[in-house]
Amino acid sequence: MEKKPHFVRRELLPRDVPSISLALLLAAVLLLNAFLYLYLNKFSSSLGRVETDSGLCPFGHFKFGAVKNCSPWLSCEAINREVRKLKCVGEGAVKKVFLSEWKEKKVVLSQLTNSELKEDFLHGLKMLKALQSKHVVRLLGYCEQQFTILTEYHPLGSLRGLNETLHIPKYKAMNTWHRRLMLAIDYVSVIRYLHSSPLGTLVMCDSNDLDKVLSQYLLTSDFHVLVNDLDALPLVNRSAGRLVKCGHRELRGEFVAPEQRWPYGEDVPFEDDLMPPYDEKTDIWKIPDVSNFFLGHVEGSDIVRLHLFDIHAACKKKDPAERPSAQEVLDTYRKVLTLLIREAAMPSTREML
């Protein structure tokens, strides 16, 4: 008599468990990699927000707040009629700054205070008009006859107040090595933009000490960096043999680049005519000091500094020609951020950061 086949239910044996665990682990790794890829891809897109942003208006126009349409820059008449000063919020050597109101929106009105510096004021306006991008504070209008400039208001103010802002309960979640490194990337992005601007290679001359540098930039409400003050932005033109000098007085201290310091010793009195000019590599020299401020002393910031050590050492080369370009510094910063995000996603390095 022919035996019928028996269908025996196969119980899960102990030796099958490792293979199932391995499959689950592999699936988890694949899922993590997919998530990381999407995150880094989104981040890379945000890094290119300046060059690819389609929300920028044509020259001579601006878009404000949630308004979809672009409007022409406000004229003298419109500024006088529609803008109301609220209070003075700052004053420098060139201009006084007023928190103001336009159509129930907060704006910033800047006015010349020293007639002897009107050329600096008008140069800043020229730069502001020509360099409108996501790197630069938004111009809303101006009046050359009255030496007045109207720009967008950013309530978090200049970068000088960054650490204080990050200790406000509302922003404490932003006080991480990751967010601070992104701000440093924004800063280097601005330098890169100025060095390859539509006007040519521009040097950020209002940068003789850290406090002065920080005062030139704004922190936006969504934690990005904008350059705000463009009064001292001379042009380097190597093909025409044109270099620059940041002012007509002697510069001292380790913050300014070596080539910006008087080269003939203390026994020889400073003379502006004898001071050699220099190029945009002075901005590169200052990047490590500014980035060190950005990174602060939060958990993980020392790991970031370690990864940036080589590029920062290159920035501090005494010979300007041996320093990297702003683009090379920016590329390195982006690679370090990508690497550290990837490492932070792995259990073995999460505790280190």
Foldseek 3Di string as FASTA:
>chain_A
DDDDDDDDDDDDDPVVVVVVVVVVVVVVVVVLVVVLVVVLVVVVVVLCCFVPPPQADPQQWGDDDPRRDIDGADEPVCCVVFKAFDAWDDDDPFWTWTFIDGPNATKIKIFGDDPVLLLLLVQQVVCQRQQDTPQAFAWRHAYSVRSMTITGDAVQAFQVCVVVVCPPVVNVVCLDLLNLLVQLLLVLVSQLCCCPDPVHGKADLQPLDLVSVRNQWTAHPVGYIHGYTDSQIDHDDVVVPDFDANDQDARDDPQFAPLNHDDPDPVDDDGSVPRDGDHRLRVLLNSVVNSCVSSDDDQPSVVLCVQCVVLNVQSNDNDSVSHDDSVVSSVSSSVSSSVVVVQCSDPVCVVND
